[in-house]
N, C-alpha and C. Protein backbone atom coordinates (compact mmCIF):
# COMPACT_ATOMS: atom_id res chain seq x y z
N MET A 1 84.63 0.74 -26.07
CA MET A 1 85.53 -0.13 -25.32
C MET A 1 86.24 0.70 -24.28
N GLU A 2 86.43 0.11 -23.14
CA GLU A 2 87.17 0.73 -22.06
C GLU A 2 88.50 0.00 -21.91
N ASP A 3 89.41 0.59 -21.13
CA ASP A 3 90.73 -0.02 -20.92
C ASP A 3 90.62 -1.45 -20.39
N LYS A 4 89.65 -1.70 -19.51
CA LYS A 4 89.51 -3.05 -18.97
C LYS A 4 89.18 -4.07 -20.07
N HIS A 5 88.44 -3.64 -21.08
CA HIS A 5 88.12 -4.55 -22.19
C HIS A 5 89.36 -4.82 -23.05
N ARG A 6 90.15 -3.78 -23.26
CA ARG A 6 91.39 -3.95 -24.03
C ARG A 6 92.32 -4.94 -23.32
N HIS A 7 92.47 -4.76 -22.01
CA HIS A 7 93.34 -5.66 -21.24
C HIS A 7 92.82 -7.10 -21.29
N ARG A 8 91.53 -7.26 -21.26
CA ARG A 8 90.95 -8.60 -21.32
C ARG A 8 91.22 -9.25 -22.68
N LEU A 9 91.07 -8.48 -23.75
CA LEU A 9 91.38 -9.01 -25.08
C LEU A 9 92.84 -9.44 -25.17
N LEU A 10 93.73 -8.59 -24.66
CA LEU A 10 95.16 -8.92 -24.70
C LEU A 10 95.48 -10.16 -23.88
N ALA A 11 94.81 -10.31 -22.74
CA ALA A 11 95.06 -11.47 -21.88
C ALA A 11 94.46 -12.75 -22.44
N ASP A 12 93.26 -12.66 -22.99
CA ASP A 12 92.57 -13.85 -23.49
C ASP A 12 93.06 -14.31 -24.85
N PHE A 13 93.57 -13.37 -25.66
CA PHE A 13 93.99 -13.70 -27.02
C PHE A 13 95.36 -13.10 -27.32
N PRO A 14 96.39 -13.52 -26.58
CA PRO A 14 97.71 -12.89 -26.76
C PRO A 14 98.29 -13.08 -28.15
N GLY A 15 98.12 -14.23 -28.73
CA GLY A 15 98.67 -14.47 -30.06
C GLY A 15 97.95 -13.69 -31.14
N GLU A 16 96.64 -13.64 -31.04
CA GLU A 16 95.83 -12.97 -32.05
C GLU A 16 95.96 -11.44 -31.99
N THR A 17 96.27 -10.90 -30.82
CA THR A 17 96.32 -9.45 -30.67
C THR A 17 97.74 -8.89 -30.64
N LYS A 18 98.71 -9.76 -30.77
CA LYS A 18 100.11 -9.33 -30.60
C LYS A 18 100.49 -8.16 -31.51
N PHE A 19 100.08 -8.20 -32.76
CA PHE A 19 100.48 -7.17 -33.71
C PHE A 19 99.32 -6.29 -34.16
N LEU A 20 98.19 -6.35 -33.44
CA LEU A 20 97.02 -5.56 -33.82
C LEU A 20 96.95 -4.27 -33.00
N PRO A 21 96.68 -3.17 -33.67
CA PRO A 21 96.44 -1.95 -32.88
C PRO A 21 95.03 -2.02 -32.31
N ILE A 22 94.90 -1.86 -31.03
CA ILE A 22 93.60 -1.89 -30.37
C ILE A 22 93.39 -0.52 -29.75
N GLU A 23 92.44 0.22 -30.29
CA GLU A 23 92.17 1.58 -29.81
C GLU A 23 91.03 1.57 -28.80
N VAL A 24 91.22 2.28 -27.72
CA VAL A 24 90.18 2.43 -26.71
C VAL A 24 89.48 3.76 -26.99
N LEU A 25 88.17 3.71 -27.17
CA LEU A 25 87.41 4.91 -27.51
C LEU A 25 86.93 5.68 -26.29
N HIS A 26 87.12 5.12 -25.11
CA HIS A 26 86.74 5.78 -23.85
C HIS A 26 85.27 6.17 -23.82
N ILE A 27 84.42 5.24 -24.27
CA ILE A 27 82.98 5.42 -24.19
C ILE A 27 82.50 4.56 -23.03
N PRO A 28 81.87 5.17 -22.04
CA PRO A 28 81.43 4.39 -20.87
C PRO A 28 80.36 3.37 -21.25
N ASP A 29 80.32 2.32 -20.48
CA ASP A 29 79.38 1.23 -20.73
C ASP A 29 78.05 1.53 -20.03
N ASP A 30 77.43 2.65 -20.43
CA ASP A 30 76.21 3.13 -19.79
C ASP A 30 75.03 3.19 -20.74
N TYR A 31 75.10 2.50 -21.86
CA TYR A 31 74.06 2.61 -22.88
C TYR A 31 73.40 1.26 -23.12
N GLN A 32 72.17 1.32 -23.58
CA GLN A 32 71.46 0.12 -23.98
C GLN A 32 71.90 -0.27 -25.38
N PHE A 33 71.70 -1.53 -25.72
CA PHE A 33 72.04 -2.06 -27.03
C PHE A 33 71.37 -1.23 -28.12
N MET A 34 72.13 -0.80 -29.09
CA MET A 34 71.67 -0.04 -30.25
C MET A 34 71.08 1.33 -29.89
N ASP A 35 71.47 1.88 -28.78
CA ASP A 35 71.04 3.22 -28.40
C ASP A 35 71.55 4.20 -29.47
N PRO A 36 70.68 5.03 -30.03
CA PRO A 36 71.13 5.96 -31.09
C PRO A 36 72.28 6.87 -30.64
N GLU A 37 72.27 7.31 -29.39
CA GLU A 37 73.36 8.15 -28.89
C GLU A 37 74.67 7.37 -28.86
N LEU A 38 74.62 6.10 -28.45
CA LEU A 38 75.81 5.25 -28.44
C LEU A 38 76.34 5.05 -29.85
N ILE A 39 75.46 4.79 -30.78
CA ILE A 39 75.88 4.59 -32.18
C ILE A 39 76.60 5.83 -32.70
N GLU A 40 76.06 7.00 -32.41
CA GLU A 40 76.71 8.23 -32.85
C GLU A 40 78.06 8.43 -32.17
N LEU A 41 78.14 8.13 -30.88
CA LEU A 41 79.43 8.23 -30.18
C LEU A 41 80.48 7.30 -30.79
N ILE A 42 80.07 6.08 -31.09
CA ILE A 42 81.01 5.13 -31.69
C ILE A 42 81.46 5.62 -33.06
N ARG A 43 80.51 6.06 -33.85
CA ARG A 43 80.87 6.54 -35.20
C ARG A 43 81.82 7.73 -35.13
N SER A 44 81.49 8.71 -34.32
CA SER A 44 82.33 9.91 -34.27
C SER A 44 83.71 9.62 -33.65
N SER A 45 83.77 8.69 -32.72
CA SER A 45 85.05 8.34 -32.09
C SER A 45 85.90 7.45 -32.97
N ALA A 46 85.28 6.57 -33.73
CA ALA A 46 86.02 5.60 -34.53
C ALA A 46 86.42 6.14 -35.90
N ASP A 47 85.70 7.12 -36.42
CA ASP A 47 85.99 7.64 -37.76
C ASP A 47 87.44 8.03 -37.98
N PRO A 48 88.08 8.74 -37.07
CA PRO A 48 89.50 9.10 -37.33
C PRO A 48 90.40 7.86 -37.48
N PHE A 49 90.14 6.81 -36.70
CA PHE A 49 90.95 5.60 -36.81
C PHE A 49 90.67 4.87 -38.12
N ILE A 50 89.42 4.84 -38.50
CA ILE A 50 89.05 4.19 -39.76
C ILE A 50 89.65 4.95 -40.94
N ASP A 51 89.54 6.28 -40.92
CA ASP A 51 90.11 7.10 -42.00
C ASP A 51 91.62 6.90 -42.10
N ALA A 52 92.29 6.86 -40.96
CA ALA A 52 93.75 6.67 -40.96
C ALA A 52 94.12 5.30 -41.53
N ALA A 53 93.36 4.29 -41.17
CA ALA A 53 93.64 2.95 -41.69
C ALA A 53 93.37 2.88 -43.18
N ALA A 54 92.34 3.56 -43.64
CA ALA A 54 92.00 3.55 -45.07
C ALA A 54 93.05 4.26 -45.90
N THR A 55 93.67 5.30 -45.38
CA THR A 55 94.68 6.01 -46.15
C THR A 55 95.99 5.22 -46.20
N LYS A 56 96.22 4.35 -45.22
CA LYS A 56 97.42 3.49 -45.24
C LYS A 56 97.32 2.39 -46.27
N ALA A 57 96.09 1.93 -46.53
CA ALA A 57 95.90 0.79 -47.45
C ALA A 57 96.04 1.17 -48.88
């Protein structure tokens, strides 16, 4: 997700996103669907956020 996607989510769904943390992973939109490199980038970028959320629960 890029900043423009985050802003669009906030604009289109203000009530649903009001209290949700939305993290931007700063991965450019230059990959094909299910590209193995993209999948690895998402996993490695998202893991710290997932781990932090899991330890809070």
